[in-house]
Amino acid sequence: METELKTYIEGLTSVGPDRFVGSKGHRSAFGLIKGLLESWGLHVHVQPFTVNMTVPVKWSLQVDFGKGYEKVKCLPGIGSPSVKSLVADILPVGHAREEDYASLDGTEGRTHLAQLWKNHETVKISEAAMRGASSLIWYNDYIDELYSGACDYSLSPIPGVSIRKSDAQRVLEAGGGRTRLSIRSRNRNIRCRNIEAGREISDSHYILLASHYDSRPHTPGASDDASGVASMLAYIQNGYDADAGLPVRYLFADCEEEGCIGAEAYADQLYRTNQLREVAAMVNLDAVGWPNLCLIARDRGAVMDEDLTRLAAGVLDEMGHKVEKVRSKSGKSNHTPFASRGVRTVWYSDYPNYIRHSAMDNAFNIDYPTMALVTESLRRLFGRVE
């Protein structure tokens, strides 16, 4: 099983530096998944949709730590607007939560410097923008790597970039600094495609198993979420669905990293055609490649089904893995459009995962025994879901 999973992970992460929508790696992952499903005799349906987004194509950041400007490596967030030589003083704002701003004065017009986690970077962007910041810089306080983030605050968008922890520490040690930021972004219409598959397409109630095959730019996305895709492929190839009490359908969603757009399009289609009630349970695998496997009981967009989560936890406990049930303030994923419409959902994830959305989320840093555990646990779980 672990060798099989590794083969899938390597296939999904080997083409290009990422699977960002519209990239070579993205198209390759679509072809790989669709080809395997068809070769195994599954009915495959592709749901196309178009996404309009702002994508940075060129950027530069210079920071004056007190001895003149020097170039600092950075990574702009998806959706960051274009700016030309934006100069501003840096203001450290902790995690950029409301309580972090309570004691701060003079936040307007400054570049806010925020740590990751505690809240989502898009929430940090909105907090900074509402306080008149000219831009936001974020950094990962756990590893010295760039974090591929997103800026989707639409009311008054400001540019956002990530820097390394070591450069952020230099700013903090210097008591501040001054930035000169340039970003050139383009508005693009990008073709995206959900992949739906099943052994049999019928009108009976079924379990929907989902993952997503896209990634953030500049990250291989091995755990987030090639791990979920690989676990689903292994589940299918080994015929584990034969043990399920209900038919199983599979959703390999696209464009999750830009706001779960693919899953929203799929759930909306089921809702509009009065088919959503046929989904007896929705099981989401999003980032299951680290050993700290957990079940997310609540996220910032939805509440998971308590009974289904308890059942999944019981199965894992029987297999020798005492799983933690976590409340995540920052995340949401492919289950969210279903949970918000009343469908029973459960979310498997590795939380917290400090390498996600970075170049370190690669095939060498995946825990394959954890992925095998997830795959085997689904076999037992689906035999008990009614």
Protein backbone atom coordinates (compact mmCIF):
# COMPACT_ATOMS: atom_id res chain seq x y z
CA MET A 1 0.00 0.00 0.00
CA GLU A 2 2.74 2.49 0.94
CA THR A 3 4.64 1.81 -2.30
CA GLU A 4 1.45 2.34 -4.26
CA LEU A 5 0.75 5.62 -2.46
CA LYS A 6 4.28 6.82 -3.08
CA THR A 7 3.88 6.13 -6.81
CA TYR A 8 0.76 8.31 -6.92
CA ILE A 9 2.39 11.12 -4.93
CA GLU A 10 5.43 11.14 -7.19
CA GLY A 11 3.22 11.16 -10.29
CA LEU A 12 1.22 14.12 -8.99
CA THR A 13 4.20 16.21 -7.85
CA SER A 14 6.83 15.46 -10.50
CA VAL A 15 5.55 17.73 -13.31
CA GLY A 16 6.43 21.35 -12.66
CA PRO A 17 6.92 23.12 -9.34
CA ASP A 18 3.19 23.13 -8.50
CA ARG A 19 -0.36 22.27 -9.60
CA PHE A 20 -1.63 25.82 -9.55
CA VAL A 21 -4.68 26.14 -11.78
CA GLY A 22 -3.73 26.56 -15.44
CA SER A 23 -0.18 25.27 -14.98
CA LYS A 24 1.53 22.32 -16.65
CA GLY A 25 1.45 20.39 -13.38
CA HIS A 26 -2.25 21.11 -13.01
CA ARG A 27 -3.05 19.75 -16.47
CA SER A 28 -0.82 16.73 -15.89
CA ALA A 29 -2.61 15.86 -12.62
CA PHE A 30 -5.99 16.05 -14.35
CA GLY A 31 -4.81 13.69 -17.09
CA LEU A 32 -3.26 11.25 -14.62
CA ILE A 33 -6.37 11.00 -12.42
CA LYS A 34 -8.85 10.78 -15.30
CA GLY A 35 -6.73 8.21 -17.14
CA LEU A 36 -6.42 5.93 -14.10
CA LEU A 37 -10.13 6.08 -13.32
CA GLU A 38 -11.07 5.21 -16.89
CA SER A 39 -8.51 2.38 -17.03
CA TRP A 40 -10.13 0.88 -13.92
CA GLY A 41 -13.53 0.88 -15.61
CA LEU A 42 -15.20 3.66 -13.63
CA HIS A 43 -17.81 5.99 -15.09
CA VAL A 44 -16.08 9.36 -15.32
CA HIS A 45 -17.75 12.76 -15.71
CA VAL A 46 -15.86 16.05 -16.09
CA GLN A 47 -17.50 19.25 -14.88
CA PRO A 48 -15.80 22.25 -16.52
CA PHE A 49 -15.99 25.76 -15.13
CA THR A 50 -14.05 28.99 -15.55
CA VAL A 51 -12.43 31.00 -12.78
CA ASN A 52 -11.47 34.64 -13.03
CA MET A 53 -8.61 35.58 -10.78
CA THR A 54 -5.81 38.09 -10.30
CA VAL A 55 -2.44 36.36 -10.64
CA PRO A 56 0.91 38.04 -9.84
CA VAL A 57 3.44 37.58 -12.66
CA LYS A 58 6.35 39.74 -11.52
CA TRP A 59 7.34 41.10 -8.14
CA SER A 60 10.14 42.63 -6.10
CA LEU A 61 10.59 43.52 -2.43
CA GLN A 62 13.32 45.64 -0.92
CA VAL A 63 13.67 46.23 2.81
CA ASP A 64 15.68 48.85 4.65
CA PHE A 65 16.70 47.29 7.97
CA GLY A 66 18.49 50.51 8.93
CA LYS A 67 21.48 50.42 6.58
CA GLY A 68 19.86 51.03 3.21
CA TYR A 69 17.58 48.99 0.96
CA GLU A 70 18.44 45.41 0.13
CA LYS A 71 16.51 42.90 -1.94
CA VAL A 72 14.54 40.32 0.05
CA LYS A 73 13.07 37.15 -1.39
CA CYS A 74 9.27 37.17 -1.27
CA LEU A 75 6.20 35.49 -2.69
CA PRO A 76 3.02 37.47 -3.49
CA GLY A 77 -0.39 36.14 -2.59
CA ILE A 78 -2.91 35.02 -5.18
CA GLY A 79 -5.22 37.95 -5.85
CA SER A 80 -2.68 40.59 -4.86
CA PRO A 81 -3.31 43.82 -6.83
CA SER A 82 -0.59 45.50 -8.84
CA VAL A 83 1.49 48.21 -7.17
CA LYS A 84 4.43 50.18 -8.46
CA SER A 85 7.23 50.98 -6.03
CA LEU A 86 5.06 51.17 -2.91
CA VAL A 87 7.16 52.63 -0.07
CA ALA A 88 5.99 52.30 3.54
CA ASP A 89 7.19 51.81 7.11
CA ILE A 90 6.80 48.34 8.63
CA LEU A 91 4.52 47.80 11.62
CA PRO A 92 4.63 44.38 13.38
CA VAL A 93 1.05 43.35 14.25
CA GLY A 94 1.46 39.91 15.82
CA HIS A 95 -1.08 37.55 14.27
CA ALA A 96 -3.14 40.51 12.95
CA ARG A 97 -6.15 39.70 15.10
CA GLU A 98 -8.41 42.33 16.62
CA GLU A 99 -6.74 41.94 20.02
CA ASP A 100 -3.30 42.37 18.42
CA TYR A 101 -4.33 45.77 17.07
CA ALA A 102 -5.87 46.97 20.36
CA SER A 103 -2.67 48.56 21.70
CA LEU A 104 -1.34 49.85 18.36
CA ASP A 105 -1.53 53.41 17.08
CA GLY A 106 -0.78 54.84 13.65
CA THR A 107 -1.52 51.74 11.56
CA GLU A 108 -2.72 53.62 8.48
CA GLY A 109 -0.47 53.76 5.43
CA ARG A 110 2.03 51.30 6.89
CA THR A 111 3.06 47.80 5.82
CA HIS A 112 1.79 45.39 8.45
CA LEU A 113 4.03 42.44 9.36
CA ALA A 114 2.07 39.41 10.63
CA GLN A 115 2.80 35.88 11.80
CA LEU A 116 0.90 33.04 10.18
CA TRP A 117 -1.66 30.77 11.96
CA LYS A 118 -4.20 31.80 14.60
CA ASN A 119 -6.30 33.14 11.72
CA HIS A 120 -6.24 32.68 7.94
CA GLU A 121 -4.03 34.99 5.88
CA THR A 122 -7.12 36.26 4.04
CA VAL A 123 -8.54 37.28 7.43
CA LYS A 124 -5.25 39.05 8.18
CA ILE A 125 -5.52 40.88 4.86
CA SER A 126 -9.03 42.09 5.69
CA GLU A 127 -7.98 43.20 9.19
CA ALA A 128 -5.02 45.12 7.76
CA ALA A 129 -7.06 46.67 4.94
CA MET A 130 -9.81 47.84 7.30
CA ARG A 131 -7.14 49.61 9.36
CA GLY A 132 -5.77 51.45 6.34
CA ALA A 133 -2.62 49.40 5.81
CA SER A 134 -0.86 49.91 2.47
CA SER A 135 0.17 46.23 2.30
CA LEU A 136 0.61 43.11 4.39
CA ILE A 137 3.68 40.91 4.83
CA TRP A 138 3.27 37.51 6.47
CA TYR A 139 5.79 34.89 7.56
CA ASN A 140 5.83 31.33 8.87
CA ASP A 141 7.14 31.39 12.44
CA TYR A 142 7.85 27.62 12.41
CA ILE A 143 10.01 27.13 9.33
CA ASP A 144 12.29 29.44 7.36
CA GLU A 145 10.35 29.06 4.11
CA LEU A 146 8.12 31.25 1.96
CA TYR A 147 4.40 30.63 2.38
CA SER A 148 2.19 30.68 -0.70
CA GLY A 149 -0.80 32.69 0.49
CA ALA A 150 -3.91 34.37 -0.89
CA CYS A 151 -5.35 37.90 -0.84
CA ASP A 152 -9.08 37.65 -1.47
CA TYR A 153 -10.36 40.68 0.44
CA SER A 154 -12.41 42.28 -2.33
CA LEU A 155 -13.81 45.42 -0.68
CA SER A 156 -10.52 47.28 -0.70
CA PRO A 157 -7.75 44.93 -1.82
CA ILE A 158 -4.20 45.55 -0.69
CA PRO A 159 -1.08 43.68 -1.82
CA GLY A 160 0.19 40.83 0.32
CA VAL A 161 3.51 38.98 0.22
CA SER A 162 5.33 36.40 2.32
CA ILE A 163 8.93 36.57 3.47
CA ARG A 164 11.16 34.11 5.26
CA LYS A 165 11.17 33.83 9.04
CA SER A 166 14.83 34.89 9.13
CA ASP A 167 14.06 38.15 7.31
CA ALA A 168 11.07 38.83 9.56
CA GLN A 169 13.31 38.35 12.59
CA ARG A 170 15.73 40.92 11.18
CA VAL A 171 12.87 43.42 10.99
CA LEU A 172 11.83 42.68 14.56
CA GLU A 173 15.39 42.89 15.85
CA ALA A 174 15.87 46.22 14.07
CA GLY A 175 12.70 47.56 15.68
CA GLY A 176 11.01 48.00 12.30
CA GLY A 177 12.08 48.93 8.82
CA ARG A 178 10.92 50.35 5.53
CA THR A 179 9.79 48.52 2.40
CA ARG A 180 9.73 49.19 -1.30
CA LEU A 181 7.30 46.79 -2.97
CA SER A 182 6.45 46.26 -6.64
CA ILE A 183 3.94 43.74 -7.98
CA ARG A 184 2.58 43.33 -11.48
CA SER A 185 -0.55 41.19 -11.65
CA ARG A 186 -2.79 40.06 -14.48
CA ASN A 187 -6.46 39.24 -14.54
CA ARG A 188 -6.91 35.76 -16.00
CA ASN A 189 -9.81 33.50 -16.96
CA ILE A 190 -8.62 30.01 -16.13
CA ARG A 191 -10.24 26.76 -17.23
CA CYS A 192 -10.82 24.36 -14.35
CA ARG A 193 -12.36 20.89 -14.21
CA ASN A 194 -13.88 18.77 -11.49
CA ILE A 195 -13.64 15.00 -11.96
CA GLU A 196 -16.57 12.88 -10.75
CA ALA A 197 -16.39 9.10 -10.90
CA GLY A 198 -18.20 6.00 -9.70
CA ARG A 199 -18.54 2.28 -10.31
CA GLU A 200 -22.24 2.75 -10.99
CA ILE A 201 -24.20 5.95 -11.49
CA SER A 202 -27.64 5.42 -9.94
CA ASP A 203 -30.29 7.41 -8.13
CA SER A 204 -29.77 5.66 -4.79
CA HIS A 205 -28.19 7.24 -1.76
CA TYR A 206 -24.41 7.22 -1.82
CA ILE A 207 -21.28 8.29 0.02
CA LEU A 208 -19.28 11.08 -1.60
CA LEU A 209 -15.50 10.84 -1.06
CA ALA A 210 -13.58 13.98 -2.02
CA SER A 211 -10.13 15.52 -2.28
CA HIS A 212 -8.62 18.27 -4.45
CA TYR A 213 -5.87 18.02 -7.04
CA ASP A 214 -4.81 21.67 -7.40
CA SER A 215 -2.17 23.34 -5.23
CA ARG A 216 -1.04 26.84 -4.35
CA PRO A 217 1.60 28.29 -6.70
CA HIS A 218 5.26 27.49 -5.93
CA THR A 219 4.44 24.46 -3.77
CA PRO A 220 4.38 20.79 -4.82
CA GLY A 221 1.35 20.25 -2.57
CA ALA A 222 2.32 16.69 -1.63
CA SER A 223 0.29 16.65 1.56
CA ASP A 224 -2.06 19.46 0.50
CA ASP A 225 -3.64 17.67 -1.24
CA ALA A 226 -1.88 15.06 -3.35
CA SER A 227 -2.10 12.89 -0.22
CA GLY A 228 -5.90 12.95 -0.33
CA VAL A 229 -5.94 12.20 -4.06
CA ALA A 230 -3.46 9.34 -3.64
CA SER A 231 -5.46 7.81 -0.78
CA MET A 232 -8.61 7.91 -2.89
CA LEU A 233 -6.84 6.31 -5.86
CA ALA A 234 -5.47 3.54 -3.63
CA TYR A 235 -8.93 2.98 -2.14
CA ILE A 236 -10.40 2.60 -5.63
CA GLN A 237 -7.63 0.48 -7.15
CA ASN A 238 -7.73 -2.00 -4.29
CA GLY A 239 -11.49 -2.44 -4.65
CA TYR A 240 -12.26 -1.34 -1.10
CA ASP A 241 -15.59 0.10 -2.22
CA ALA A 242 -16.89 -3.47 -2.53
CA ASP A 243 -17.11 -3.51 1.28
CA ALA A 244 -19.12 -0.28 1.50
CA GLY A 245 -22.69 -0.40 2.70
CA LEU A 246 -23.69 2.30 0.21
CA PRO A 247 -22.37 3.08 -3.28
CA VAL A 248 -19.36 5.38 -3.26
CA ARG A 249 -18.85 8.28 -5.65
CA TYR A 250 -15.62 10.19 -5.96
CA LEU A 251 -15.02 13.91 -6.41
CA PHE A 252 -11.55 15.09 -7.37
CA ALA A 253 -12.27 18.78 -6.98
CA ASP A 254 -10.45 21.58 -8.73
CA CYS A 255 -9.66 25.10 -7.55
CA GLU A 256 -9.96 24.37 -3.83
CA GLU A 257 -7.04 26.63 -2.99
CA GLU A 258 -8.85 29.66 -4.39
CA GLY A 259 -11.86 29.31 -2.10
CA CYS A 260 -13.28 25.80 -2.72
CA ILE A 261 -14.68 27.00 -6.05
CA GLY A 262 -14.81 23.54 -7.62
CA ALA A 263 -16.62 21.92 -4.70
CA GLU A 264 -19.03 24.86 -4.57
CA ALA A 265 -19.80 24.45 -8.28
CA TYR A 266 -20.38 20.71 -7.82
CA ALA A 267 -22.55 21.09 -4.71
CA ASP A 268 -24.54 23.88 -6.36
CA GLN A 269 -25.21 21.70 -9.40
CA LEU A 270 -26.51 18.89 -7.19
CA TYR A 271 -28.66 21.35 -5.26
CA ARG A 272 -30.17 22.95 -8.37
CA THR A 273 -31.02 19.54 -9.88
CA ASN A 274 -32.51 18.31 -6.59
CA GLN A 275 -29.84 15.60 -6.24
CA LEU A 276 -28.10 16.83 -3.10
CA ARG A 277 -30.46 14.83 -0.89
CA GLU A 278 -29.00 11.64 -2.39
CA VAL A 279 -25.64 12.30 -0.68
CA ALA A 280 -25.91 10.26 2.52
CA ALA A 281 -22.49 11.42 3.74
CA MET A 282 -19.62 13.50 2.41
CA VAL A 283 -16.08 12.52 3.47
CA ASN A 284 -13.31 15.00 2.73
CA LEU A 285 -9.61 14.14 2.62
CA ASP A 286 -7.65 17.38 2.59
CA ALA A 287 -4.00 17.07 3.67
CA VAL A 288 -3.54 13.62 5.24
CA GLY A 289 0.18 13.22 4.64
CA TRP A 290 1.57 14.08 8.08
CA PRO A 291 1.57 11.79 11.15
CA ASN A 292 -0.55 14.21 13.24
CA LEU A 293 -3.77 13.00 11.62
CA CYS A 294 -6.92 14.47 13.13
CA LEU A 295 -10.59 15.04 12.41
CA ILE A 296 -11.71 18.64 12.06
CA ALA A 297 -14.95 19.03 14.02
CA ARG A 298 -15.51 22.66 13.07
CA ASP A 299 -13.90 25.17 10.73
CA ARG A 300 -14.47 28.83 9.90
CA GLY A 301 -17.21 27.95 7.41
CA ALA A 302 -19.08 24.90 8.68
CA VAL A 303 -19.71 22.38 11.46
CA MET A 304 -19.01 18.71 10.74
CA ASP A 305 -21.55 16.01 11.61
CA GLU A 306 -20.96 14.96 15.22
CA ASP A 307 -22.12 11.35 14.84
CA LEU A 308 -20.18 10.77 11.63
CA THR A 309 -17.05 12.31 13.15
CA ARG A 310 -17.42 10.12 16.23
CA LEU A 311 -17.84 7.04 14.03
CA ALA A 312 -14.69 7.90 12.04
CA ALA A 313 -12.76 8.50 15.26
CA GLY A 314 -13.92 5.14 16.63
CA VAL A 315 -12.68 3.33 13.53
CA LEU A 316 -9.26 4.95 13.80
CA ASP A 317 -9.13 4.14 17.52
CA GLU A 318 -9.80 0.46 16.73
CA MET A 319 -6.83 0.58 14.36
CA GLY A 320 -4.54 1.88 17.11
CA HIS A 321 -4.65 5.58 16.24
CA LYS A 322 -6.15 7.79 18.94
CA VAL A 323 -7.34 10.72 16.86
CA GLU A 324 -7.85 14.26 18.09
CA LYS A 325 -10.99 16.18 17.15
CA VAL A 326 -9.91 19.71 16.34
CA ARG A 327 -11.66 23.05 15.95
CA SER A 328 -9.95 25.05 13.23
CA LYS A 329 -10.52 28.81 13.19
CA SER A 330 -8.78 29.34 9.89
CA GLY A 331 -9.51 26.52 7.48
CA LYS A 332 -12.29 25.53 5.18
CA SER A 333 -12.31 22.92 2.44
CA ASN A 334 -14.38 20.91 -0.03
CA HIS A 335 -16.84 19.74 2.63
CA THR A 336 -17.92 23.32 3.42
CA PRO A 337 -20.44 23.77 0.54
CA PHE A 338 -22.03 20.45 1.51
CA ALA A 339 -22.09 20.97 5.29
CA SER A 340 -23.60 24.43 4.83
CA ARG A 341 -26.42 22.81 2.83
CA GLY A 342 -27.20 20.24 5.51
CA VAL A 343 -25.20 17.23 4.26
CA ARG A 344 -23.48 15.07 6.89
CA THR A 345 -19.74 15.65 6.55
CA VAL A 346 -16.44 14.59 8.11
CA TRP A 347 -13.00 16.08 7.42
CA TYR A 348 -9.73 14.14 7.73
CA SER A 349 -6.68 16.38 7.90
CA ASP A 350 -3.19 16.70 9.34
CA TYR A 351 -3.51 19.69 11.65
CA PRO A 352 -1.50 21.68 12.29
CA ASN A 353 0.74 21.22 9.24
CA TYR A 354 3.45 23.89 9.25
CA ILE A 355 5.00 22.94 5.91
CA ARG A 356 1.81 23.25 3.85
CA HIS A 357 1.76 25.91 1.13
CA SER A 358 5.54 25.91 1.05
CA ALA A 359 8.25 24.27 -1.07
CA MET A 360 8.80 21.79 1.79
CA ASP A 361 5.43 20.14 1.13
CA ASN A 362 7.04 17.63 -1.23
CA ALA A 363 7.16 13.87 -1.75
CA PHE A 364 10.18 13.49 0.58
CA ASN A 365 8.31 14.93 3.58
CA ILE A 366 5.19 12.74 3.38
CA ASP A 367 4.31 10.11 5.99
CA TYR A 368 3.09 7.19 3.88
CA PRO A 369 2.04 4.98 6.83
CA THR A 370 -0.45 7.71 7.84
CA MET A 371 -1.89 7.77 4.31
CA ALA A 372 -2.19 3.97 4.35
CA LEU A 373 -3.98 4.22 7.71
CA VAL A 374 -6.48 6.69 6.24
CA THR A 375 -7.12 4.48 3.21
CA GLU A 376 -7.69 1.36 5.32
CA SER A 377 -9.89 3.26 7.78
CA LEU A 378 -12.21 4.37 4.97
CA ARG A 379 -12.81 0.72 4.12
CA ARG A 380 -14.06 0.07 7.64
CA LEU A 381 -15.94 3.35 7.97
CA PHE A 382 -17.90 2.98 4.74
CA GLY A 383 -19.02 -0.46 5.82
CA ARG A 384 -20.85 1.20 8.74
CA VAL A 385 -22.27 4.36 7.15
CA GLU A 386 -26.01 4.13 6.52
